[in-house]
Amino acid sequence: MAADEDIVDCVMSVDEALSEVEEALEDKKYSIALKRLREAREIINDLREDDEAEEDRQEMDMDVVKTLK
């Protein structure tokens, strides 16, 4: 359940960042738009790293169970 909440939080954060990017582009504030785009990508990368770490933990757990059998 926590993973689902993390995904929703990530989507909401990225959506907010993209809204700010859109506003910055309309105002021709390109450096602000670029900064917010980078922040949005960082949010996505953090979520991806968390997901990969969870997969690694699951694989280790499976290996331990196999070893104990």
Protein backbone atom coordinates (compact mmCIF):
# COMPACT_ATOMS: atom_id res chain seq x y z
CA MET A 1 0.00 0.00 0.00
CA ALA A 2 2.83 2.39 0.79
CA ALA A 3 4.23 1.86 -2.70
CA ASP A 4 0.91 2.93 -4.21
CA GLU A 5 0.96 6.08 -2.08
CA ASP A 6 4.54 6.78 -3.21
CA ILE A 7 3.48 6.52 -6.84
CA VAL A 8 0.52 8.84 -6.31
CA ASP A 9 2.76 11.34 -4.48
CA CYS A 10 5.28 11.16 -7.31
CA VAL A 11 2.63 11.74 -9.98
CA MET A 12 1.20 14.69 -8.06
CA SER A 13 4.66 16.23 -7.59
CA VAL A 14 5.53 15.79 -11.26
CA ASP A 15 2.15 17.24 -12.28
CA GLU A 16 2.78 20.30 -10.11
CA ALA A 17 6.26 20.71 -11.54
CA LEU A 18 4.95 20.45 -15.10
CA SER A 19 2.31 23.09 -14.37
CA GLU A 20 5.08 25.40 -13.17
CA VAL A 21 7.11 24.58 -16.29
CA GLU A 22 4.14 25.50 -18.45
CA GLU A 23 3.71 28.83 -16.67
CA ALA A 24 7.42 29.58 -16.88
CA LEU A 25 7.46 28.85 -20.60
CA GLU A 26 4.46 31.11 -21.18
CA ASP A 27 6.36 33.88 -19.39
CA LYS A 28 9.53 33.01 -21.35
CA LYS A 29 11.37 32.17 -18.11
CA TYR A 30 13.36 29.35 -19.63
CA SER A 31 15.85 28.86 -16.80
CA ILE A 32 13.01 28.35 -14.30
CA ALA A 33 11.30 25.92 -16.69
CA LEU A 34 14.51 23.94 -17.11
CA LYS A 35 15.08 23.84 -13.36
CA ARG A 36 11.57 22.52 -12.70
CA LEU A 37 11.92 19.92 -15.48
CA ARG A 38 15.11 18.67 -13.87
CA GLU A 39 13.36 18.51 -10.50
CA ALA A 40 10.52 16.48 -12.01
CA ARG A 41 12.99 14.04 -13.55
CA GLU A 42 14.77 13.73 -10.21
CA ILE A 43 11.47 12.85 -8.52
CA ILE A 44 10.87 10.14 -11.13
CA ASN A 45 14.42 8.81 -10.81
CA ASP A 46 14.09 8.61 -7.02
CA LEU A 47 10.92 6.56 -7.38
CA ARG A 48 12.61 4.32 -9.96
CA GLU A 49 15.58 3.74 -7.62
CA ASP A 50 13.22 2.90 -4.75
CA ASP A 51 11.42 0.41 -6.99
CA GLU A 52 14.67 -1.22 -8.10
CA ALA A 53 15.86 -1.45 -4.49
CA GLU A 54 12.58 -3.16 -3.54
CA GLU A 55 13.05 -5.67 -6.38
CA ASP A 56 16.60 -6.38 -5.17
CA ARG A 57 15.31 -6.99 -1.61
CA GLN A 58 12.66 -9.37 -2.93
CA GLU A 59 15.27 -11.31 -4.91
CA MET A 60 17.50 -11.58 -1.84
CA ASP A 61 14.56 -12.81 0.24
CA MET A 62 13.80 -15.47 -2.35
CA ASP A 63 17.44 -16.56 -2.40
CA VAL A 64 17.47 -16.86 1.41
CA VAL A 65 14.28 -18.93 1.37
CA LYS A 66 15.74 -21.23 -1.31
CA THR A 67 18.94 -21.61 0.67
CA LEU A 68 17.07 -22.47 3.87
CA LYS A 69 14.97 -25.17 2.17
